[in-house]
Amino acid sequence: MASVNEVYSILKDLTNKDARGMVTPSQFNSFAGVAQTRIFNGLFNELQKFNRLGLVSTQDGGRDKARMKQIQEDLSYFSKTSTIGAVSGVFQKPSDLARIISMNTSGDWVLDSTSSERIKVVYEEEKIDMLLKSTLSIPTEDNPVALVSNDILVFPTSIRKIKLRYYKQPEGISSLDGTKTSALPRFGYTVSSNGVEVFDVLNSVDFELPDHYVQELVIEIAKMIGVSIRENDVFTYASQEQQIKTNK
């Protein structure tokens, strides 16, 4: 996953270069989680665009397919499945829900087959009203429909348990041992006797995005702080740092 120490170090060095500004750990930490969420939302929106337009055969078709595959792999880090029971006829959304992938009834497995049914998801009350009034498309246990708003309502109401696949909100990864945490990315540090910031792994949280998003995180946080950094500058700096690590 993207190292909070690497992202902060690149950002600090580039903002200090040519007197473009100064970034403090406090500034960085206040924007790190928001920047990660913006990039996450951008990935999801890009995937939706691919799905909406379709990958037709064009000159760039191969590149588009590779990009779509990369996005799907990156979003898989945030994929979760949760079985939810109804409370007073209402299904509560998971607290970390970002986007719904699919919804099914919680069926039983018998002889390598399941009685689970796919639930159609709608977001407009007018649409669910039309379905409930229709004699042809009224929801049934074989063809259920869910209305997603503040909570989740499933029709017919005889369905009492659902299985929800969704993308969770991006959070953090412990810099110490790589375990997932609900804490947001944070650069932890101590101050040496000569006033230099020293990275503190015990109090740091890495990003949950894969490490190939380091450059995007640097650029996004810089924009939020109000510092102009060119993409080429970030790429060049990151390449030089990687070469130094390789030669050590």
C-alpha atoms as a PDB file:
ATOM      1  CA  MET A   1       0.000   0.000   0.000  1.00  0.00           C
ATOM      2  CA  ALA A   2       1.044   3.639  -0.505  1.00  0.00           C
ATOM      3  CA  SER A   3       3.436   4.665   2.259  1.00  0.00           C
ATOM      4  CA  VAL A   4       2.424   7.772   4.168  1.00  0.00           C
ATOM      5  CA  ASN A   5       6.109   8.446   4.830  1.00  0.00           C
ATOM      6  CA  GLU A   6       6.948   8.320   1.117  1.00  0.00           C
ATOM      7  CA  VAL A   7       4.018  10.535   0.114  1.00  0.00           C
ATOM      8  CA  TYR A   8       4.814  13.126   2.788  1.00  0.00           C
ATOM      9  CA  SER A   9       8.562  13.093   2.038  1.00  0.00           C
ATOM     10  CA  ILE A  10       8.034  13.660  -1.689  1.00  0.00           C
ATOM     11  CA  LEU A  11       5.468  16.376  -1.063  1.00  0.00           C
ATOM     12  CA  LYS A  12       7.643  18.155   1.502  1.00  0.00           C
ATOM     13  CA  ASP A  13      10.771  18.060  -0.648  1.00  0.00           C
ATOM     14  CA  LEU A  14       8.992  19.276  -3.787  1.00  0.00           C
ATOM     15  CA  THR A  15       7.137  22.082  -2.024  1.00  0.00           C
ATOM     16  CA  ASN A  16      10.352  23.275  -0.394  1.00  0.00           C
ATOM     17  CA  LYS A  17      12.140  23.182  -3.741  1.00  0.00           C
ATOM     18  CA  ASP A  18      12.369  26.581  -5.453  1.00  0.00           C
ATOM     19  CA  ALA A  19      10.551  28.145  -2.472  1.00  0.00           C
ATOM     20  CA  ARG A  20       7.163  26.931  -3.703  1.00  0.00           C
ATOM     21  CA  GLY A  21       5.814  26.731  -0.191  1.00  0.00           C
ATOM     22  CA  MET A  22       6.046  24.777   3.016  1.00  0.00           C
ATOM     23  CA  VAL A  23       3.965  21.801   4.114  1.00  0.00           C
ATOM     24  CA  THR A  24       3.701  20.755   7.748  1.00  0.00           C
ATOM     25  CA  PRO A  25       2.668  17.341   9.139  1.00  0.00           C
ATOM     26  CA  SER A  26      -0.498  18.953  10.481  1.00  0.00           C
ATOM     27  CA  GLN A  27      -1.465  20.247   7.036  1.00  0.00           C
ATOM     28  CA  PHE A  28      -0.627  16.935   5.441  1.00  0.00           C
ATOM     29  CA  ASN A  29      -2.653  14.894   7.942  1.00  0.00           C
ATOM     30  CA  SER A  30      -5.705  17.123   7.572  1.00  0.00           C
ATOM     31  CA  PHE A  31      -5.831  16.486   3.810  1.00  0.00           C
ATOM     32  CA  ALA A  32      -4.450  12.938   3.440  1.00  0.00           C
ATOM     33  CA  GLY A  33      -7.729  11.087   4.027  1.00  0.00           C
ATOM     34  CA  VAL A  34      -9.719  13.465   1.831  1.00  0.00           C
ATOM     35  CA  ALA A  35      -7.202  13.118  -1.006  1.00  0.00           C
ATOM     36  CA  GLN A  36      -7.431   9.318  -0.825  1.00  0.00           C
ATOM     37  CA  THR A  37     -11.239   9.462  -0.970  1.00  0.00           C
ATOM     38  CA  ARG A  38     -11.143  11.779  -3.990  1.00  0.00           C
ATOM     39  CA  ILE A  39      -8.879   9.392  -5.887  1.00  0.00           C
ATOM     40  CA  PHE A  40     -11.087   6.449  -4.872  1.00  0.00           C
ATOM     41  CA  ASN A  41     -14.207   8.243  -6.138  1.00  0.00           C
ATOM     42  CA  GLY A  42     -12.392   9.078  -9.348  1.00  0.00           C
ATOM     43  CA  LEU A  43     -11.589   5.401  -9.917  1.00  0.00           C
ATOM     44  CA  PHE A  44     -15.188   4.401  -9.376  1.00  0.00           C
ATOM     45  CA  ASN A  45     -16.490   7.120 -11.679  1.00  0.00           C
ATOM     46  CA  GLU A  46     -14.000   6.086 -14.359  1.00  0.00           C
ATOM     47  CA  LEU A  47     -15.145   2.461 -14.060  1.00  0.00           C
ATOM     48  CA  GLN A  48     -18.767   3.546 -14.383  1.00  0.00           C
ATOM     49  CA  LYS A  49     -17.872   5.463 -17.536  1.00  0.00           C
ATOM     50  CA  PHE A  50     -16.267   2.361 -19.055  1.00  0.00           C
ATOM     51  CA  ASN A  51     -19.306   0.267 -18.166  1.00  0.00           C
ATOM     52  CA  ARG A  52     -21.702   2.875 -19.539  1.00  0.00           C
ATOM     53  CA  LEU A  53     -19.910   3.400 -22.844  1.00  0.00           C
ATOM     54  CA  GLY A  54     -18.736  -0.173 -23.326  1.00  0.00           C
ATOM     55  CA  LEU A  55     -15.320  -1.186 -24.573  1.00  0.00           C
ATOM     56  CA  VAL A  56     -15.994  -0.996 -28.301  1.00  0.00           C
ATOM     57  CA  SER A  57     -13.269  -1.896 -30.757  1.00  0.00           C
ATOM     58  CA  THR A  58     -11.300   1.296 -31.323  1.00  0.00           C
ATOM     59  CA  GLN A  59      -7.680   2.135 -31.841  1.00  0.00           C
ATOM     60  CA  ASP A  60      -7.350   2.547 -28.068  1.00  0.00           C
ATOM     61  CA  GLY A  61      -9.492  -0.475 -27.186  1.00  0.00           C
ATOM     62  CA  GLY A  62      -6.581  -2.507 -25.839  1.00  0.00           C
ATOM     63  CA  ARG A  63      -5.362   0.352 -23.680  1.00  0.00           C
ATOM     64  CA  ASP A  64      -8.894   0.998 -22.378  1.00  0.00           C
ATOM     65  CA  LYS A  65      -9.333  -2.671 -21.455  1.00  0.00           C
ATOM     66  CA  ALA A  66      -6.007  -2.675 -19.621  1.00  0.00           C
ATOM     67  CA  ARG A  67      -7.027   0.481 -17.742  1.00  0.00           C
ATOM     68  CA  MET A  68     -10.405  -0.992 -16.838  1.00  0.00           C
ATOM     69  CA  LYS A  69      -8.745  -4.164 -15.559  1.00  0.00           C
ATOM     70  CA  GLN A  70      -6.321  -2.081 -13.461  1.00  0.00           C
ATOM     71  CA  ILE A  71      -9.186  -0.094 -11.927  1.00  0.00           C
ATOM     72  CA  GLN A  72     -11.105  -3.276 -11.097  1.00  0.00           C
ATOM     73  CA  GLU A  73      -8.040  -4.759  -9.421  1.00  0.00           C
ATOM     74  CA  ASP A  74      -7.412  -1.594  -7.412  1.00  0.00           C
ATOM     75  CA  LEU A  75     -11.038  -1.306  -6.282  1.00  0.00           C
ATOM     76  CA  SER A  76     -11.012  -4.954  -5.197  1.00  0.00           C
ATOM     77  CA  TYR A  77      -9.020  -3.869  -2.125  1.00  0.00           C
ATOM     78  CA  PHE A  78     -12.184  -2.113  -0.943  1.00  0.00           C
ATOM     79  CA  SER A  79     -14.682  -4.885  -1.747  1.00  0.00           C
ATOM     80  CA  LYS A  80     -16.637  -6.365   1.163  1.00  0.00           C
ATOM     81  CA  THR A  81     -19.592  -8.698   1.691  1.00  0.00           C
ATOM     82  CA  SER A  82     -22.034  -8.340   4.567  1.00  0.00           C
ATOM     83  CA  THR A  83     -25.135 -10.328   5.522  1.00  0.00           C
ATOM     84  CA  ILE A  84     -27.771  -7.994   6.961  1.00  0.00           C
ATOM     85  CA  GLY A  85     -31.011  -8.792   8.776  1.00  0.00           C
ATOM     86  CA  ALA A  86     -34.084  -6.563   8.738  1.00  0.00           C
ATOM     87  CA  VAL A  87     -34.900  -4.527  11.832  1.00  0.00           C
ATOM     88  CA  SER A  88     -38.556  -3.415  11.888  1.00  0.00           C
ATOM     89  CA  GLY A  89     -38.674  -4.056   8.138  1.00  0.00           C
ATOM     90  CA  VAL A  90     -35.604  -1.896   7.425  1.00  0.00           C
ATOM     91  CA  PHE A  91     -32.088  -2.964   6.472  1.00  0.00           C
ATOM     92  CA  GLN A  92     -29.396  -0.709   7.896  1.00  0.00           C
ATOM     93  CA  LYS A  93     -26.532   0.246   5.594  1.00  0.00           C
ATOM     94  CA  PRO A  94     -23.055  -0.778   6.779  1.00  0.00           C
ATOM     95  CA  SER A  95     -21.343   2.189   8.430  1.00  0.00           C
ATOM     96  CA  ASP A  96     -18.429   1.999   5.960  1.00  0.00           C
ATOM     97  CA  LEU A  97     -20.559   1.689   2.802  1.00  0.00           C
ATOM     98  CA  ALA A  98     -19.305   3.726  -0.158  1.00  0.00           C
ATOM     99  CA  ARG A  99     -20.889   2.104  -3.237  1.00  0.00           C
ATOM    100  CA  ILE A 100     -23.139  -0.920  -3.675  1.00  0.00           C
ATOM    101  CA  ILE A 101     -21.867  -3.622  -6.047  1.00  0.00           C
ATOM    102  CA  SER A 102     -24.762  -6.095  -5.812  1.00  0.00           C
ATOM    103  CA  MET A 103     -27.505  -7.287  -3.509  1.00  0.00           C
ATOM    104  CA  ASN A 104     -28.962 -10.791  -3.112  1.00  0.00           C
ATOM    105  CA  THR A 105     -31.396 -12.570  -0.858  1.00  0.00           C
ATOM    106  CA  SER A 106     -29.616 -14.741   1.696  1.00  0.00           C
ATOM    107  CA  GLY A 107     -30.551 -18.177   0.365  1.00  0.00           C
ATOM    108  CA  ASP A 108     -29.542 -21.710   1.318  1.00  0.00           C
ATOM    109  CA  TRP A 109     -27.092 -24.007  -0.471  1.00  0.00           C
ATOM    110  CA  VAL A 110     -28.555 -27.386  -1.534  1.00  0.00           C
ATOM    111  CA  LEU A 111     -26.677 -29.852  -3.778  1.00  0.00           C
ATOM    112  CA  ASP A 112     -24.225 -27.234  -5.106  1.00  0.00           C
ATOM    113  CA  SER A 113     -26.952 -24.721  -5.923  1.00  0.00           C
ATOM    114  CA  THR A 114     -28.361 -21.792  -3.997  1.00  0.00           C
ATOM    115  CA  SER A 115     -31.829 -20.397  -3.558  1.00  0.00           C
ATOM    116  CA  SER A 116     -30.398 -16.890  -3.382  1.00  0.00           C
ATOM    117  CA  GLU A 117     -31.964 -14.393  -5.783  1.00  0.00           C
ATOM    118  CA  ARG A 118     -30.457 -11.224  -7.230  1.00  0.00           C
ATOM    119  CA  ILE A 119     -32.176  -8.099  -5.919  1.00  0.00           C
ATOM    120  CA  LYS A 120     -32.758  -5.260  -8.360  1.00  0.00           C
ATOM    121  CA  VAL A 121     -31.537  -1.992  -6.851  1.00  0.00           C
ATOM    122  CA  VAL A 122     -33.341   1.306  -7.453  1.00  0.00           C
ATOM    123  CA  TYR A 123     -32.750   4.733  -5.948  1.00  0.00           C
ATOM    124  CA  GLU A 124     -35.942   6.602  -6.903  1.00  0.00           C
ATOM    125  CA  GLU A 125     -39.113   6.341  -4.789  1.00  0.00           C
ATOM    126  CA  GLU A 126     -41.238   7.053  -7.862  1.00  0.00           C
ATOM    127  CA  LYS A 127     -39.817   3.967  -9.563  1.00  0.00           C
ATOM    128  CA  ILE A 128     -40.521   1.681  -6.617  1.00  0.00           C
ATOM    129  CA  ASP A 129     -44.048   3.089  -6.389  1.00  0.00           C
ATOM    130  CA  MET A 130     -44.639   2.215 -10.037  1.00  0.00           C
ATOM    131  CA  LEU A 131     -43.344  -1.323  -9.519  1.00  0.00           C
ATOM    132  CA  LEU A 132     -45.503  -1.879  -6.449  1.00  0.00           C
ATOM    133  CA  LYS A 133     -48.619  -0.715  -8.318  1.00  0.00           C
ATOM    134  CA  SER A 134     -47.882  -2.813 -11.407  1.00  0.00           C
ATOM    135  CA  THR A 135     -49.617  -6.147 -11.907  1.00  0.00           C
ATOM    136  CA  LEU A 136     -46.872  -7.321 -14.284  1.00  0.00           C
ATOM    137  CA  SER A 137     -43.669  -6.256 -12.535  1.00  0.00           C
ATOM    138  CA  ILE A 138     -44.635  -6.239  -8.856  1.00  0.00           C
ATOM    139  CA  PRO A 139     -41.702  -7.516  -6.773  1.00  0.00           C
ATOM    140  CA  THR A 140     -41.802 -11.169  -5.719  1.00  0.00           C
ATOM    141  CA  GLU A 141     -39.429 -13.408  -3.752  1.00  0.00           C
ATOM    142  CA  ASP A 142     -38.103 -14.644  -7.105  1.00  0.00           C
ATOM    143  CA  ASN A 143     -37.739 -11.096  -8.454  1.00  0.00           C
ATOM    144  CA  PRO A 144     -37.152  -8.819  -5.455  1.00  0.00           C
ATOM    145  CA  VAL A 145     -36.435  -5.080  -5.608  1.00  0.00           C
ATOM    146  CA  ALA A 146     -34.629  -2.819  -3.129  1.00  0.00           C
ATOM    147  CA  LEU A 147     -35.049   0.911  -2.617  1.00  0.00           C
ATOM    148  CA  VAL A 148     -31.796   2.455  -1.409  1.00  0.00           C
ATOM    149  CA  SER A 149     -31.982   5.811   0.371  1.00  0.00           C
ATOM    150  CA  ASN A 150     -30.941   6.552   3.953  1.00  0.00           C
ATOM    151  CA  ASP A 151     -31.692   2.881   4.653  1.00  0.00           C
ATOM    152  CA  ILE A 152     -32.519  -0.113   2.466  1.00  0.00           C
ATOM    153  CA  LEU A 153     -36.092  -1.301   1.921  1.00  0.00           C
ATOM    154  CA  VAL A 154     -36.590  -4.651   0.183  1.00  0.00           C
ATOM    155  CA  PHE A 155     -39.793  -5.764  -1.524  1.00  0.00           C
ATOM    156  CA  PRO A 156     -41.578  -8.036  -0.942  1.00  0.00           C
ATOM    157  CA  THR A 157     -41.274  -7.416   2.781  1.00  0.00           C
ATOM    158  CA  SER A 158     -41.275 -11.179   3.447  1.00  0.00           C
ATOM    159  CA  ILE A 159     -37.515 -11.080   2.701  1.00  0.00           C
ATOM    160  CA  ARG A 160     -35.805 -10.763   6.078  1.00  0.00           C
ATOM    161  CA  LYS A 161     -32.124 -11.195   5.260  1.00  0.00           C
ATOM    162  CA  ILE A 162     -29.908  -9.962   2.432  1.00  0.00           C
ATOM    163  CA  LYS A 163     -26.298 -10.357   1.325  1.00  0.00           C
ATOM    164  CA  LEU A 164     -24.720  -7.083   0.291  1.00  0.00           C
ATOM    165  CA  ARG A 165     -21.529  -6.761  -1.760  1.00  0.00           C
ATOM    166  CA  TYR A 166     -20.122  -3.266  -1.693  1.00  0.00           C
ATOM    167  CA  TYR A 167     -17.090  -1.030  -1.864  1.00  0.00           C
ATOM    168  CA  LYS A 168     -16.227   0.309   1.568  1.00  0.00           C
ATOM    169  CA  GLN A 169     -14.942   3.769   2.334  1.00  0.00           C
ATOM    170  CA  PRO A 170     -11.129   3.939   2.041  1.00  0.00           C
ATOM    171  CA  GLU A 171      -9.439   3.964   5.427  1.00  0.00           C
ATOM    172  CA  GLY A 172      -5.870   3.077   6.457  1.00  0.00           C
ATOM    173  CA  ILE A 173      -3.204   0.419   6.886  1.00  0.00           C
ATOM    174  CA  SER A 174      -0.976   0.212   9.962  1.00  0.00           C
ATOM    175  CA  SER A 175       2.518   1.386   9.037  1.00  0.00           C
ATOM    176  CA  LEU A 176       3.907  -0.964  11.690  1.00  0.00           C
ATOM    177  CA  ASP A 177       2.471  -4.343  10.709  1.00  0.00           C
ATOM    178  CA  GLY A 178       0.334  -3.815   7.584  1.00  0.00           C
ATOM    179  CA  THR A 179      -2.987  -4.645   9.231  1.00  0.00           C
ATOM    180  CA  LYS A 180      -6.151  -2.800   8.239  1.00  0.00           C
ATOM    181  CA  THR A 181      -7.417  -0.079  10.524  1.00  0.00           C
ATOM    182  CA  SER A 182     -10.403   2.257  10.558  1.00  0.00           C
ATOM    183  CA  ALA A 183      -7.992   5.157  11.156  1.00  0.00           C
ATOM    184  CA  LEU A 184      -7.298   7.519   8.270  1.00  0.00           C
ATOM    185  CA  PRO A 185      -3.810   7.969   6.783  1.00  0.00           C
ATOM    186  CA  ARG A 186      -1.537   9.901   9.113  1.00  0.00           C
ATOM    187  CA  PHE A 187       2.124  10.892   9.180  1.00  0.00           C
ATOM    188  CA  GLY A 188       3.323  10.310  12.741  1.00  0.00           C
ATOM    189  CA  TYR A 189       6.601  11.859  13.819  1.00  0.00           C
ATOM    190  CA  THR A 190       8.838  12.974  16.631  1.00  0.00           C
ATOM    191  CA  VAL A 191      11.136  16.001  16.634  1.00  0.00           C
ATOM    192  CA  SER A 192      14.862  15.492  17.078  1.00  0.00           C
ATOM    193  CA  SER A 193      17.066  17.723  19.224  1.00  0.00           C
ATOM    194  CA  ASN A 194      17.993  19.794  16.172  1.00  0.00           C
ATOM    195  CA  GLY A 195      14.329  20.309  15.201  1.00  0.00           C
ATOM    196  CA  VAL A 196      14.160  17.733  12.396  1.00  0.00           C
ATOM    197  CA  GLU A 197      10.968  15.680  11.900  1.00  0.00           C
ATOM    198  CA  VAL A 198      11.655  11.964  12.376  1.00  0.00           C
ATOM    199  CA  PHE A 199       9.119   9.463  11.020  1.00  0.00           C
ATOM    200  CA  ASP A 200       7.386   7.526  13.818  1.00  0.00           C
ATOM    201  CA  VAL A 201       6.086   4.196  12.488  1.00  0.00           C
ATOM    202  CA  LEU A 202       4.203   3.431  15.708  1.00  0.00           C
ATOM    203  CA  ASN A 203       1.910   6.437  15.284  1.00  0.00           C
ATOM    204  CA  SER A 204       1.589   6.382  11.498  1.00  0.00           C
ATOM    205  CA  VAL A 205      -1.107   5.005   9.208  1.00  0.00           C
ATOM    206  CA  ASP A 206      -0.441   4.233   5.540  1.00  0.00           C
ATOM    207  CA  PHE A 207      -2.904   4.791   2.715  1.00  0.00           C
ATOM    208  CA  GLU A 208      -5.188   1.951   1.666  1.00  0.00           C
ATOM    209  CA  LEU A 209      -4.614   2.695  -2.004  1.00  0.00           C
ATOM    210  CA  PRO A 210      -1.968   0.569  -3.780  1.00  0.00           C
ATOM    211  CA  ASP A 211       1.542   2.033  -3.884  1.00  0.00           C
ATOM    212  CA  HIS A 212       1.320   2.998  -7.566  1.00  0.00           C
ATOM    213  CA  TYR A 213      -0.945   5.860  -6.427  1.00  0.00           C
ATOM    214  CA  VAL A 214       1.848   7.607  -4.536  1.00  0.00           C
ATOM    215  CA  GLN A 215       2.302  10.216  -7.253  1.00  0.00           C
ATOM    216  CA  GLU A 216      -1.423  10.903  -7.557  1.00  0.00           C
ATOM    217  CA  LEU A 217      -1.678  11.316  -3.790  1.00  0.00           C
ATOM    218  CA  VAL A 218       1.199  13.809  -3.793  1.00  0.00           C
ATOM    219  CA  ILE A 219      -0.415  15.868  -6.552  1.00  0.00           C
ATOM    220  CA  GLU A 220      -3.898  15.732  -4.999  1.00  0.00           C
ATOM    221  CA  ILE A 221      -2.729  16.796  -1.535  1.00  0.00           C
ATOM    222  CA  ALA A 222      -0.581  19.564  -3.054  1.00  0.00           C
ATOM    223  CA  LYS A 223      -3.634  20.951  -4.870  1.00  0.00           C
ATOM    224  CA  MET A 224      -5.647  20.920  -1.658  1.00  0.00           C
ATOM    225  CA  ILE A 225      -2.887  22.761   0.204  1.00  0.00           C
ATOM    226  CA  GLY A 226      -2.684  25.295  -2.619  1.00  0.00           C
ATOM    227  CA  VAL A 227       0.726  24.366  -3.984  1.00  0.00           C
ATOM    228  CA  SER A 228       1.327  23.866  -7.710  1.00  0.00           C
ATOM    229  CA  ILE A 229       3.344  20.740  -8.507  1.00  0.00           C
ATOM    230  CA  ARG A 230       3.804  19.375 -11.997  1.00  0.00           C
ATOM    231  CA  GLU A 231       3.217  15.683 -12.606  1.00  0.00           C
ATOM    232  CA  ASN A 232       6.609  15.385 -14.318  1.00  0.00           C
ATOM    233  CA  ASP A 233       8.333  16.755 -11.210  1.00  0.00           C
ATOM    234  CA  VAL A 234       6.708  14.098  -9.026  1.00  0.00           C
ATOM    235  CA  PHE A 235       7.542  11.320 -11.492  1.00  0.00           C
ATOM    236  CA  THR A 236      11.169  12.426 -11.797  1.00  0.00           C
ATOM    237  CA  TYR A 237      11.626  12.763  -8.042  1.00  0.00           C
ATOM    238  CA  ALA A 238      10.008   9.383  -7.324  1.00  0.00           C
ATOM    239  CA  SER A 239      12.151   7.712 -10.005  1.00  0.00           C
ATOM    240  CA  GLN A 240      15.338   9.201  -8.566  1.00  0.00           C
ATOM    241  CA  GLU A 241      14.439   8.082  -5.042  1.00  0.00           C
ATOM    242  CA  GLN A 242      13.669   4.569  -6.276  1.00  0.00           C
ATOM    243  CA  GLN A 243      17.039   4.445  -8.070  1.00  0.00           C
ATOM    244  CA  ILE A 244      18.805   5.498  -4.871  1.00  0.00           C
ATOM    245  CA  LYS A 245      17.041   2.732  -2.921  1.00  0.00           C
ATOM    246  CA  THR A 246      17.927   0.178  -5.598  1.00  0.00           C
ATOM    247  CA  ASN A 247      21.618   1.111  -5.533  1.00  0.00           C
ATOM    248  CA  LYS A 248      21.934   0.922  -1.751  1.00  0.00           C
END
